[in-house]
């Protein structure tokens, strides 16, 4: 299978939900990552787009 082309990130206080997708839109992975391991996980991924949900202003 081809490399991940986009990683979607659902932000939370302690655990982030990650969804990796290939260029054709098929699912590459779905993963929960805690805040402490998030940057290390991203550093290990191939170059791709990382999309994060906007946080509502309070």
Protein backbone atom coordinates (compact mmCIF):
# COMPACT_ATOMS: atom_id res chain seq x y z
CA UNK A 1 0.00 0.00 0.00
CA UNK A 2 1.13 3.57 -0.55
CA UNK A 3 2.32 5.90 2.18
CA UNK A 4 0.00 7.96 4.34
CA UNK A 5 -0.80 11.26 2.62
CA UNK A 6 -2.91 12.93 5.34
CA UNK A 7 -3.29 12.54 9.09
CA UNK A 8 -6.41 13.92 10.73
CA UNK A 9 -6.11 14.82 14.42
CA UNK A 10 -9.02 15.09 16.85
CA UNK A 11 -7.63 17.18 19.70
CA UNK A 12 -8.45 16.53 23.34
CA UNK A 13 -6.84 17.31 26.69
CA UNK A 14 -4.91 14.07 27.18
CA UNK A 15 -5.57 11.64 24.31
CA UNK A 16 -5.61 12.49 20.60
CA UNK A 17 -7.49 10.41 18.03
CA UNK A 18 -5.49 10.05 14.80
CA UNK A 19 -6.78 8.95 11.41
CA UNK A 20 -4.27 8.28 8.64
CA UNK A 21 -5.42 8.10 5.03
CA UNK A 22 -3.78 7.17 1.75
CA UNK A 23 -3.98 9.44 -1.31
CA UNK A 24 -6.99 7.47 -2.58
CA UNK A 25 -8.87 8.13 0.68
CA UNK A 26 -8.58 4.60 2.05
CA UNK A 27 -7.86 4.21 5.76
CA UNK A 28 -4.21 3.64 6.64
CA UNK A 29 -4.68 3.64 10.42
CA UNK A 30 -6.81 4.78 13.32
CA UNK A 31 -4.94 5.29 16.55
CA UNK A 32 -5.20 6.87 20.02
CA UNK A 33 -2.06 8.68 21.16
CA UNK A 34 -1.54 10.42 24.47
CA UNK A 35 -0.20 13.97 24.59
CA UNK A 36 3.28 12.88 25.69
CA UNK A 37 3.73 10.58 22.66
CA UNK A 38 2.05 12.74 20.01
CA UNK A 39 5.09 14.61 18.66
CA UNK A 40 7.24 11.49 18.64
CA UNK A 41 4.54 9.64 16.66
CA UNK A 42 4.33 12.43 14.07
CA UNK A 43 8.12 12.59 13.74
CA UNK A 44 8.13 8.92 12.69
CA UNK A 45 5.56 9.43 9.90
CA UNK A 46 6.44 10.20 6.28
CA UNK A 47 6.04 13.80 5.13
CA UNK A 48 2.30 14.45 4.78
CA UNK A 49 -0.49 16.89 5.53
CA UNK A 50 -1.60 17.04 9.17
CA UNK A 51 -5.12 18.43 9.64
CA UNK A 52 -6.35 19.44 13.08
CA UNK A 53 -9.85 20.40 14.06
CA UNK A 54 -10.27 24.02 15.14
CA UNK A 55 -10.98 24.58 18.81
CA UNK A 56 -14.08 26.65 19.57
CA UNK A 57 -13.37 29.97 21.23
CA UNK A 58 -14.83 30.37 24.67
